[in-house]
Amino acid sequence: MRENAQDAGAQGVLVEQVTITDARDDLAEVVNRVSYRDERIVLTRRGKRLVAVVPLADLELLERFENAADVEEIRAALSDPDNAEPIPWESLKAELGL
């Protein structure tokens, strides 16, 4: 697999950038590097960063953070029910496509 570039991520960790075409040609290598060496690889198309392939542990951590943020929003909404605006049922059904 040809290496395109490396970029320092948010925590200063080097993250390799690979074109989608190169990643497709060497998918097994990309998967092995991410799963066994805990590397993070950013896939690019025409020089634009599109997606990242990250270890499953990173994804699980991100999901825990998102769930914790959701719980905090729910707690805040429940702690002050008088401050919440009611949502008409018809509006909610339309938004959900029901």
PDB file of N, CA and C in Angstrom:
ATOM      1  N   MET A   1       0.856  -1.174   0.000  1.00  0.00           N
ATOM      2  CA  MET A   1       0.000   0.000   0.000  1.00  0.00           C
ATOM      3  C   MET A   1       0.894   1.226   0.000  1.00  0.00           C
ATOM      4  N   ARG A   2       0.604   2.139  -0.879  1.00  0.00           N
ATOM      5  CA  ARG A   2       1.373   3.380  -0.937  1.00  0.00           C
ATOM      6  C   ARG A   2       0.898   4.323   0.156  1.00  0.00           C
ATOM      7  N   GLU A   3       1.835   4.950   0.827  1.00  0.00           N
ATOM      8  CA  GLU A   3       1.487   5.919   1.865  1.00  0.00           C
ATOM      9  C   GLU A   3       1.354   7.284   1.213  1.00  0.00           C
ATOM     10  N   ASN A   4       0.272   7.979   1.518  1.00  0.00           N
ATOM     11  CA  ASN A   4       0.059   9.310   0.953  1.00  0.00           C
ATOM     12  C   ASN A   4       0.694  10.384   1.813  1.00  0.00           C
ATOM     13  N   ALA A   5       0.225  10.487   3.028  1.00  0.00           N
ATOM     14  CA  ALA A   5       0.693  11.554   3.905  1.00  0.00           C
ATOM     15  C   ALA A   5       0.404  11.145   5.335  1.00  0.00           C
ATOM     16  N   GLN A   6       1.044  11.827   6.242  1.00  0.00           N
ATOM     17  CA  GLN A   6       0.720  11.638   7.644  1.00  0.00           C
ATOM     18  C   GLN A   6       0.368  12.988   8.222  1.00  0.00           C
ATOM     19  N   ASP A   7      -0.570  12.954   9.146  1.00  0.00           N
ATOM     20  CA  ASP A   7      -1.060  14.184   9.743  1.00  0.00           C
ATOM     21  C   ASP A   7      -1.195  13.936  11.236  1.00  0.00           C
ATOM     22  N   ALA A   8      -0.858  14.922  12.032  1.00  0.00           N
ATOM     23  CA  ALA A   8      -1.042  14.786  13.470  1.00  0.00           C
ATOM     24  C   ALA A   8      -2.505  14.977  13.803  1.00  0.00           C
ATOM     25  N   GLY A   9      -3.077  13.990  14.455  1.00  0.00           N
ATOM     26  CA  GLY A   9      -4.481  14.067  14.851  1.00  0.00           C
ATOM     27  C   GLY A   9      -4.656  14.970  16.054  1.00  0.00           C
ATOM     28  N   ALA A  10      -5.844  14.940  16.627  1.00  0.00           N
ATOM     29  CA  ALA A  10      -6.208  15.827  17.728  1.00  0.00           C
ATOM     30  C   ALA A  10      -5.284  15.665  18.937  1.00  0.00           C
ATOM     31  N   GLN A  11      -4.836  14.444  19.216  1.00  0.00           N
ATOM     32  CA  GLN A  11      -3.963  14.232  20.368  1.00  0.00           C
ATOM     33  C   GLN A  11      -2.499  14.169  19.963  1.00  0.00           C
ATOM     34  N   GLY A  12      -2.158  14.636  18.761  1.00  0.00           N
ATOM     35  CA  GLY A  12      -0.782  14.613  18.320  1.00  0.00           C
ATOM     36  C   GLY A  12      -0.339  13.257  17.800  1.00  0.00           C
ATOM     37  N   VAL A  13      -1.257  12.308  17.680  1.00  0.00           N
ATOM     38  CA  VAL A  13      -0.940  10.983  17.165  1.00  0.00           C
ATOM     39  C   VAL A  13      -0.868  11.075  15.645  1.00  0.00           C
ATOM     40  N   LEU A  14       0.173  10.494  15.061  1.00  0.00           N
ATOM     41  CA  LEU A  14       0.268  10.519  13.607  1.00  0.00           C
ATOM     42  C   LEU A  14      -0.801   9.624  13.007  1.00  0.00           C
ATOM     43  N   VAL A  15      -1.537  10.175  12.070  1.00  0.00           N
ATOM     44  CA  VAL A  15      -2.599   9.455  11.387  1.00  0.00           C
ATOM     45  C   VAL A  15      -2.241   9.434   9.913  1.00  0.00           C
ATOM     46  N   GLU A  16      -2.162   8.239   9.366  1.00  0.00           N
ATOM     47  CA  GLU A  16      -1.823   8.133   7.957  1.00  0.00           C
ATOM     48  C   GLU A  16      -3.047   8.433   7.103  1.00  0.00           C
ATOM     49  N   GLN A  17      -2.799   9.113   5.994  1.00  0.00           N
ATOM     50  CA  GLN A  17      -3.852   9.365   5.017  1.00  0.00           C
ATOM     51  C   GLN A  17      -3.595   8.494   3.798  1.00  0.00           C
ATOM     52  N   VAL A  18      -4.623   7.771   3.368  1.00  0.00           N
ATOM     53  CA  VAL A  18      -4.519   6.841   2.251  1.00  0.00           C
ATOM     54  C   VAL A  18      -5.687   7.101   1.320  1.00  0.00           C
ATOM     55  N   THR A  19      -5.440   7.064   0.031  1.00  0.00           N
ATOM     56  CA  THR A  19      -6.555   7.236  -0.904  1.00  0.00           C
ATOM     57  C   THR A  19      -7.487   6.029  -0.806  1.00  0.00           C
ATOM     58  N   ILE A  20      -8.735   6.267  -1.108  1.00  0.00           N
ATOM     59  CA  ILE A  20      -9.706   5.175  -1.090  1.00  0.00           C
ATOM     60  C   ILE A  20      -9.299   4.077  -2.073  1.00  0.00           C
ATOM     61  N   THR A  21      -8.780   4.473  -3.214  1.00  0.00           N
ATOM     62  CA  THR A  21      -8.345   3.491  -4.216  1.00  0.00           C
ATOM     63  C   THR A  21      -7.250   2.586  -3.657  1.00  0.00           C
ATOM     64  N   ASP A  22      -6.238   3.181  -3.009  1.00  0.00           N
ATOM     65  CA  ASP A  22      -5.159   2.378  -2.426  1.00  0.00           C
ATOM     66  C   ASP A  22      -5.691   1.491  -1.302  1.00  0.00           C
ATOM     67  N   ALA A  23      -6.587   2.024  -0.483  1.00  0.00           N
ATOM     68  CA  ALA A  23      -7.155   1.241   0.613  1.00  0.00           C
ATOM     69  C   ALA A  23      -7.956   0.057   0.070  1.00  0.00           C
ATOM     70  N   ARG A  24      -8.692   0.289  -1.001  1.00  0.00           N
ATOM     71  CA  ARG A  24      -9.473  -0.790  -1.608  1.00  0.00           C
ATOM     72  C   ARG A  24      -8.550  -1.878  -2.138  1.00  0.00           C
ATOM     73  N   ASP A  25      -7.452  -1.468  -2.764  1.00  0.00           N
ATOM     74  CA  ASP A  25      -6.501  -2.442  -3.314  1.00  0.00           C
ATOM     75  C   ASP A  25      -5.822  -3.263  -2.224  1.00  0.00           C
ATOM     76  N   ASP A  26      -5.670  -2.678  -1.043  1.00  0.00           N
ATOM     77  CA  ASP A  26      -4.984  -3.348   0.065  1.00  0.00           C
ATOM     78  C   ASP A  26      -5.854  -3.372   1.319  1.00  0.00           C
ATOM     79  N   LEU A  27      -7.123  -3.708   1.153  1.00  0.00           N
ATOM     80  CA  LEU A  27      -8.057  -3.659   2.284  1.00  0.00           C
ATOM     81  C   LEU A  27      -7.603  -4.543   3.439  1.00  0.00           C
ATOM     82  N   ALA A  28      -7.126  -5.737   3.149  1.00  0.00           N
ATOM     83  CA  ALA A  28      -6.685  -6.633   4.226  1.00  0.00           C
ATOM     84  C   ALA A  28      -5.566  -5.987   5.042  1.00  0.00           C
ATOM     85  N   GLU A  29      -4.641  -5.299   4.377  1.00  0.00           N
ATOM     86  CA  GLU A  29      -3.554  -4.634   5.095  1.00  0.00           C
ATOM     87  C   GLU A  29      -4.082  -3.496   5.968  1.00  0.00           C
ATOM     88  N   VAL A  30      -5.029  -2.715   5.431  1.00  0.00           N
ATOM     89  CA  VAL A  30      -5.628  -1.620   6.215  1.00  0.00           C
ATOM     90  C   VAL A  30      -6.299  -2.190   7.462  1.00  0.00           C
ATOM     91  N   VAL A  31      -7.085  -3.231   7.286  1.00  0.00           N
ATOM     92  CA  VAL A  31      -7.788  -3.845   8.425  1.00  0.00           C
ATOM     93  C   VAL A  31      -6.792  -4.386   9.438  1.00  0.00           C
ATOM     94  N   ASN A  32      -5.757  -5.062   8.982  1.00  0.00           N
ATOM     95  CA  ASN A  32      -4.764  -5.611   9.913  1.00  0.00           C
ATOM     96  C   ASN A  32      -4.035  -4.514  10.680  1.00  0.00           C
ATOM     97  N   ARG A  33      -3.657  -3.456   9.999  1.00  0.00           N
ATOM     98  CA  ARG A  33      -2.951  -2.364  10.676  1.00  0.00           C
ATOM     99  C   ARG A  33      -3.827  -1.716  11.736  1.00  0.00           C
ATOM    100  N   VAL A  34      -5.095  -1.546  11.421  1.00  0.00           N
ATOM    101  CA  VAL A  34      -6.004  -0.916  12.376  1.00  0.00           C
ATOM    102  C   VAL A  34      -6.320  -1.864  13.531  1.00  0.00           C
ATOM    103  N   SER A  35      -6.625  -3.106  13.220  1.00  0.00           N
ATOM    104  CA  SER A  35      -7.056  -4.028  14.272  1.00  0.00           C
ATOM    105  C   SER A  35      -5.913  -4.553  15.134  1.00  0.00           C
ATOM    106  N   TYR A  36      -4.749  -4.804  14.543  1.00  0.00           N
ATOM    107  CA  TYR A  36      -3.665  -5.407  15.309  1.00  0.00           C
ATOM    108  C   TYR A  36      -2.630  -4.412  15.811  1.00  0.00           C
ATOM    109  N   ARG A  37      -2.490  -3.277  15.129  1.00  0.00           N
ATOM    110  CA  ARG A  37      -1.487  -2.288  15.545  1.00  0.00           C
ATOM    111  C   ARG A  37      -2.122  -1.013  16.087  1.00  0.00           C
ATOM    112  N   ASP A  38      -3.449  -1.021  16.198  1.00  0.00           N
ATOM    113  CA  ASP A  38      -4.191   0.136  16.731  1.00  0.00           C
ATOM    114  C   ASP A  38      -3.893   1.419  15.987  1.00  0.00           C
ATOM    115  N   GLU A  39      -3.644   1.312  14.679  1.00  0.00           N
ATOM    116  CA  GLU A  39      -3.426   2.510  13.875  1.00  0.00           C
ATOM    117  C   GLU A  39      -4.776   3.118  13.499  1.00  0.00           C
ATOM    118  N   ARG A  40      -4.747   4.382  13.190  1.00  0.00           N
ATOM    119  CA  ARG A  40      -5.913   5.094  12.664  1.00  0.00           C
ATOM    120  C   ARG A  40      -5.542   5.548  11.262  1.00  0.00           C
ATOM    121  N   ILE A  41      -6.398   5.252  10.307  1.00  0.00           N
ATOM    122  CA  ILE A  41      -6.106   5.597   8.921  1.00  0.00           C
ATOM    123  C   ILE A  41      -7.246   6.426   8.364  1.00  0.00           C
ATOM    124  N   VAL A  42      -6.905   7.581   7.807  1.00  0.00           N
ATOM    125  CA  VAL A  42      -7.893   8.464   7.187  1.00  0.00           C
ATOM    126  C   VAL A  42      -7.904   8.179   5.692  1.00  0.00           C
ATOM    127  N   LEU A  43      -9.093   7.931   5.150  1.00  0.00           N
ATOM    128  CA  LEU A  43      -9.233   7.676   3.723  1.00  0.00           C
ATOM    129  C   LEU A  43      -9.596   8.979   3.025  1.00  0.00           C
ATOM    130  N   THR A  44      -8.924   9.207   1.899  1.00  0.00           N
ATOM    131  CA  THR A  44      -9.115  10.457   1.164  1.00  0.00           C
ATOM    132  C   THR A  44      -9.583  10.170  -0.261  1.00  0.00           C
ATOM    133  N   ARG A  45     -10.227  11.163  -0.828  1.00  0.00           N
ATOM    134  CA  ARG A  45     -10.602  11.135  -2.252  1.00  0.00           C
ATOM    135  C   ARG A  45     -10.317  12.520  -2.805  1.00  0.00           C
ATOM    136  N   ARG A  46      -9.505  12.562  -3.844  1.00  0.00           N
ATOM    137  CA  ARG A  46      -9.098  13.819  -4.475  1.00  0.00           C
ATOM    138  C   ARG A  46      -8.538  14.808  -3.447  1.00  0.00           C
ATOM    139  N   GLY A  47      -7.766  14.284  -2.511  1.00  0.00           N
ATOM    140  CA  GLY A  47      -7.119  15.120  -1.512  1.00  0.00           C
ATOM    141  C   GLY A  47      -7.990  15.535  -0.340  1.00  0.00           C
ATOM    142  N   LYS A  48      -9.259  15.151  -0.345  1.00  0.00           N
ATOM    143  CA  LYS A  48     -10.156  15.506   0.759  1.00  0.00           C
ATOM    144  C   LYS A  48     -10.312  14.327   1.708  1.00  0.00           C
ATOM    145  N   ARG A  49     -10.203  14.631   2.994  1.00  0.00           N
ATOM    146  CA  ARG A  49     -10.391  13.608   4.024  1.00  0.00           C
ATOM    147  C   ARG A  49     -11.876  13.280   4.120  1.00  0.00           C
ATOM    148  N   LEU A  50     -12.226  11.991   3.978  1.00  0.00           N
ATOM    149  CA  LEU A  50     -13.632  11.591   3.976  1.00  0.00           C
ATOM    150  C   LEU A  50     -14.045  10.800   5.207  1.00  0.00           C
ATOM    151  N   VAL A  51     -13.314   9.755   5.500  1.00  0.00           N
ATOM    152  CA  VAL A  51     -13.663   8.864   6.610  1.00  0.00           C
ATOM    153  C   VAL A  51     -12.396   8.375   7.280  1.00  0.00           C
ATOM    154  N   ALA A  52     -12.583   7.773   8.449  1.00  0.00           N
ATOM    155  CA  ALA A  52     -11.447   7.188   9.153  1.00  0.00           C
ATOM    156  C   ALA A  52     -11.747   5.733   9.469  1.00  0.00           C
ATOM    157  N   VAL A  53     -10.722   4.926   9.378  1.00  0.00           N
ATOM    158  CA  VAL A  53     -10.799   3.540   9.825  1.00  0.00           C
ATOM    159  C   VAL A  53     -10.062   3.519  11.160  1.00  0.00           C
ATOM    160  N   VAL A  54     -10.789   3.166  12.207  1.00  0.00           N
ATOM    161  CA  VAL A  54     -10.226   3.221  13.557  1.00  0.00           C
ATOM    162  C   VAL A  54     -10.455   1.890  14.261  1.00  0.00           C
ATOM    163  N   PRO A  55      -9.654   1.612  15.284  1.00  0.00           N
ATOM    164  CA  PRO A  55      -9.869   0.394  16.057  1.00  0.00           C
ATOM    165  C   PRO A  55     -11.256   0.395  16.702  1.00  0.00           C
ATOM    166  N   LEU A  56     -11.806  -0.779  16.878  1.00  0.00           N
ATOM    167  CA  LEU A  56     -13.129  -0.913  17.472  1.00  0.00           C
ATOM    168  C   LEU A  56     -13.189  -0.272  18.862  1.00  0.00           C
ATOM    169  N   ALA A  57     -12.116  -0.361  19.617  1.00  0.00           N
ATOM    170  CA  ALA A  57     -12.088   0.250  20.955  1.00  0.00           C
ATOM    171  C   ALA A  57     -12.298   1.757  20.871  1.00  0.00           C
ATOM    172  N   ASP A  58     -11.759   2.405  19.835  1.00  0.00           N
ATOM    173  CA  ASP A  58     -11.968   3.845  19.654  1.00  0.00           C
ATOM    174  C   ASP A  58     -13.441   4.146  19.398  1.00  0.00           C
ATOM    175  N   LEU A  59     -14.068   3.349  18.544  1.00  0.00           N
ATOM    176  CA  LEU A  59     -15.487   3.541  18.244  1.00  0.00           C
ATOM    177  C   LEU A  59     -16.340   3.333  19.489  1.00  0.00           C
ATOM    178  N   GLU A  60     -16.045   2.286  20.246  1.00  0.00           N
ATOM    179  CA  GLU A  60     -16.811   2.021  21.469  1.00  0.00           C
ATOM    180  C   GLU A  60     -16.672   3.160  22.466  1.00  0.00           C
ATOM    181  N   LEU A  61     -15.478   3.729  22.586  1.00  0.00           N
ATOM    182  CA  LEU A  61     -15.264   4.865  23.485  1.00  0.00           C
ATOM    183  C   LEU A  61     -16.070   6.074  23.016  1.00  0.00           C
ATOM    184  N   LEU A  62     -16.048   6.348  21.729  1.00  0.00           N
ATOM    185  CA  LEU A  62     -16.826   7.450  21.177  1.00  0.00           C
ATOM    186  C   LEU A  62     -18.316   7.259  21.455  1.00  0.00           C
ATOM    187  N   GLU A  63     -18.816   6.031  21.289  1.00  0.00           N
ATOM    188  CA  GLU A  63     -20.226   5.757  21.552  1.00  0.00           C
ATOM    189  C   GLU A  63     -20.563   5.969  23.022  1.00  0.00           C
ATOM    190  N   ARG A  64     -19.642   5.593  23.931  1.00  0.00           N
ATOM    191  CA  ARG A  64     -19.891   5.828  25.365  1.00  0.00           C
ATOM    192  C   ARG A  64     -19.966   7.320  25.663  1.00  0.00           C
ATOM    193  N   PHE A  65     -19.080   8.113  25.047  1.00  0.00           N
ATOM    194  CA  PHE A  65     -19.125   9.568  25.235  1.00  0.00           C
ATOM    195  C   PHE A  65     -20.453  10.135  24.724  1.00  0.00           C
ATOM    196  N   GLU A  66     -20.881   9.690  23.551  1.00  0.00           N
ATOM    197  CA  GLU A  66     -22.148  10.173  22.994  1.00  0.00           C
ATOM    198  C   GLU A  66     -23.316   9.794  23.894  1.00  0.00           C
ATOM    199  N   ASN A  67     -23.319   8.563  24.399  1.00  0.00           N
ATOM    200  CA  ASN A  67     -24.402   8.130  25.287  1.00  0.00           C
ATOM    201  C   ASN A  67     -24.409   8.935  26.576  1.00  0.00           C
ATOM    202  N   ALA A  68     -23.226   9.218  27.115  1.00  0.00           N
ATOM    203  CA  ALA A  68     -23.135  10.016  28.345  1.00  0.00           C
ATOM    204  C   ALA A  68     -23.673  11.423  28.103  1.00  0.00           C
ATOM    205  N   ALA A  69     -23.367  12.006  26.943  1.00  0.00           N
ATOM    206  CA  ALA A  69     -23.874  13.344  26.623  1.00  0.00           C
ATOM    207  C   ALA A  69     -25.393  13.313  26.502  1.00  0.00           C
ATOM    208  N   ASP A  70     -25.931  12.256  25.893  1.00  0.00           N
ATOM    209  CA  ASP A  70     -27.386  12.122  25.776  1.00  0.00           C
ATOM    210  C   ASP A  70     -28.040  12.029  27.152  1.00  0.00           C
ATOM    211  N   VAL A  71     -27.433  11.269  28.056  1.00  0.00           N
ATOM    212  CA  VAL A  71     -27.973  11.119  29.411  1.00  0.00           C
ATOM    213  C   VAL A  71     -27.979  12.467  30.115  1.00  0.00           C
ATOM    214  N   GLU A  72     -26.915  13.243  29.957  1.00  0.00           N
ATOM    215  CA  GLU A  72     -26.853  14.560  30.589  1.00  0.00           C
ATOM    216  C   GLU A  72     -27.949  15.478  30.050  1.00  0.00           C
ATOM    217  N   GLU A  73     -28.208  15.429  28.744  1.00  0.00           N
ATOM    218  CA  GLU A  73     -29.289  16.237  28.163  1.00  0.00           C
ATOM    219  C   GLU A  73     -30.637  15.822  28.727  1.00  0.00           C
ATOM    220  N   ILE A  74     -30.845  14.532  28.858  1.00  0.00           N
ATOM    221  CA  ILE A  74     -32.120  14.031  29.405  1.00  0.00           C
ATOM    222  C   ILE A  74     -32.276  14.477  30.845  1.00  0.00           C
ATOM    223  N   ARG A  75     -31.218  14.344  31.633  1.00  0.00           N
ATOM    224  CA  ARG A  75     -31.285  14.767  33.045  1.00  0.00           C
ATOM    225  C   ARG A  75     -31.594  16.259  33.148  1.00  0.00           C
ATOM    226  N   ALA A  76     -30.960  17.065  32.307  1.00  0.00           N
ATOM    227  CA  ALA A  76     -31.203  18.510  32.339  1.00  0.00           C
ATOM    228  C   ALA A  76     -32.646  18.816  31.969  1.00  0.00           C
ATOM    229  N   ALA A  77     -33.175  18.125  30.971  1.00  0.00           N
ATOM    230  CA  ALA A  77     -34.564  18.364  30.555  1.00  0.00           C
ATOM    231  C   ALA A  77     -35.527  17.921  31.638  1.00  0.00           C
ATOM    232  N   LEU A  78     -35.256  16.802  32.289  1.00  0.00           N
ATOM    233  CA  LEU A  78     -36.151  16.304  33.337  1.00  0.00           C
ATOM    234  C   LEU A  78     -36.068  17.130  34.616  1.00  0.00           C
ATOM    235  N   SER A  79     -34.936  17.774  34.848  1.00  0.00           N
ATOM    236  CA  SER A  79     -34.781  18.553  36.074  1.00  0.00           C
ATOM    237  C   SER A  79     -35.591  19.842  36.047  1.00  0.00           C
ATOM    238  N   ASP A  80     -35.968  20.322  34.870  1.00  0.00           N
ATOM    239  CA  ASP A  80     -36.746  21.553  34.755  1.00  0.00           C
ATOM    240  C   ASP A  80     -37.861  21.367  33.724  1.00  0.00           C
ATOM    241  N   PRO A  81     -38.884  20.563  34.052  1.00  0.00           N
ATOM    242  CA  PRO A  81     -39.946  20.287  33.081  1.00  0.00           C
ATOM    243  C   PRO A  81     -40.750  21.527  32.691  1.00  0.00           C
ATOM    244  N   ASP A  82     -40.766  22.557  33.530  1.00  0.00           N
ATOM    245  CA  ASP A  82     -41.518  23.766  33.194  1.00  0.00           C
ATOM    246  C   ASP A  82     -40.858  24.555  32.070  1.00  0.00           C
ATOM    247  N   ASN A  83     -39.562  24.327  31.855  1.00  0.00           N
ATOM    248  CA  ASN A  83     -38.820  25.055  30.839  1.00  0.00           C
ATOM    249  C   ASN A  83     -38.921  24.395  29.461  1.00  0.00           C
ATOM    250  N   ALA A  84     -39.447  23.180  29.425  1.00  0.00           N
ATOM    251  CA  ALA A  84     -39.540  22.449  28.165  1.00  0.00           C
ATOM    252  C   ALA A  84     -40.778  22.869  27.388  1.00  0.00           C
ATOM    253  N   GLU A  85     -40.596  23.023  26.076  1.00  0.00           N
ATOM    254  CA  GLU A  85     -41.726  23.347  25.211  1.00  0.00           C
ATOM    255  C   GLU A  85     -42.348  22.062  24.704  1.00  0.00           C
ATOM    256  N   PRO A  86     -43.677  21.940  24.807  1.00  0.00           N
ATOM    257  CA  PRO A  86     -44.307  20.728  24.286  1.00  0.00           C
ATOM    258  C   PRO A  86     -44.223  20.689  22.762  1.00  0.00           C
ATOM    259  N   ILE A  87     -44.119  19.490  22.229  1.00  0.00           N
ATOM    260  CA  ILE A  87     -44.077  19.294  20.780  1.00  0.00           C
ATOM    261  C   ILE A  87     -45.408  18.686  20.369  1.00  0.00           C
ATOM    262  N   PRO A  88     -46.135  19.355  19.486  1.00  0.00           N
ATOM    263  CA  PRO A  88     -47.413  18.798  19.044  1.00  0.00           C
ATOM    264  C   PRO A  88     -47.225  17.422  18.391  1.00  0.00           C
ATOM    265  N   TRP A  89     -48.117  16.493  18.695  1.00  0.00           N
ATOM    266  CA  TRP A  89     -48.033  15.128  18.188  1.00  0.00           C
ATOM    267  C   TRP A  89     -47.952  15.090  16.663  1.00  0.00           C
ATOM    268  N   GLU A  90     -48.731  15.886  15.980  1.00  0.00           N
ATOM    269  CA  GLU A  90     -48.737  15.888  14.517  1.00  0.00           C
ATOM    270  C   GLU A  90     -47.365  16.319  13.967  1.00  0.00           C
ATOM    271  N   SER A  91     -46.737  17.279  14.609  1.00  0.00           N
ATOM    272  CA  SER A  91     -45.402  17.717  14.176  1.00  0.00           C
ATOM    273  C   SER A  91     -44.380  16.606  14.365  1.00  0.00           C
ATOM    274  N   LEU A  92     -44.462  15.926  15.507  1.00  0.00           N
ATOM    275  CA  LEU A  92     -43.527  14.842  15.777  1.00  0.00           C
ATOM    276  C   LEU A  92     -43.729  13.699  14.790  1.00  0.00           C
ATOM    277  N   LYS A  93     -44.966  13.335  14.511  1.00  0.00           N
ATOM    278  CA  LYS A  93     -45.238  12.269  13.541  1.00  0.00           C
ATOM    279  C   LYS A  93     -44.670  12.636  12.173  1.00  0.00           C
ATOM    280  N   ALA A  94     -44.870  13.883  11.757  1.00  0.00           N
ATOM    281  CA  ALA A  94     -44.367  14.311  10.449  1.00  0.00           C
ATOM    282  C   ALA A  94     -42.838  14.271  10.421  1.00  0.00           C
ATOM    283  N   GLU A  95     -42.190  14.704  11.494  1.00  0.00           N
ATOM    284  CA  GLU A  95     -40.736  14.706  11.553  1.00  0.00           C
ATOM    285  C   GLU A  95     -40.180  13.293  11.487  1.00  0.00           C
ATOM    286  N   LEU A  96     -40.884  12.343  12.121  1.00  0.00           N
ATOM    287  CA  LEU A  96     -40.439  10.952  12.134  1.00  0.00           C
ATOM    288  C   LEU A  96     -40.900  10.171  10.926  1.00  0.00           C
ATOM    289  N   GLY A  97     -41.712  10.792  10.090  1.00  0.00           N
ATOM    290  CA  GLY A  97     -42.203  10.113   8.888  1.00  0.00           C
ATOM    291  C   GLY A  97     -43.226   9.048   9.185  1.00  0.00           C
ATOM    292  N   LEU A  98     -44.003   9.241  10.211  1.00  0.00           N
ATOM    293  CA  LEU A  98     -45.028   8.249  10.592  1.00  0.00           C
ATOM    294  C   LEU A  98     -46.371   8.577   9.997  1.00  0.00           C
TER     295      LEU A  98
END
